[in-house]
């Protein structure tokens, strides 16, 4: 009986997908308060195009905090292509506040791999996607307060 279980166990374990952690550095905090940072982690262009409808309570552990920088860890992210967006929820409402007609974000927002001082539009998938492998992956999100043309 043991000769049946050992090969079966080996086959099952060989198909296990190893997942790495994503270490996120969020910087450019201009508002000195304890408001939370909320994240959206998308694994496809379709998800990314939903914009802030993709923000969910991701279990991101705060591992470092200074006046201008916070570092978070998201554990066990399955290897693949992702985009990450974050916003500083200044009023702790749980949603990204936007202006009336134009829908311009009223709270600081940032995207993976996008280092700009002013956001003119929602970035494309190819501009912000990054690869997660079996090891830890580091991503930087620069918060932006300026929007529009």
Foldseek 3Di string as FASTA:
>chain_A
DVVVVVVVVVVVVVPDFAFAKEKEKEFDDPDQDDFDKWKAKDQDQVLLVVPQVRTDPQPWAFDDDDRTITMTMRGGDGWHKIKMKMWRPPVNPSGFDADDPVRHTQTWMWIWQDDDQEEEDRDGSVNGMDTTGNYYHYTYTYTYRHYHD
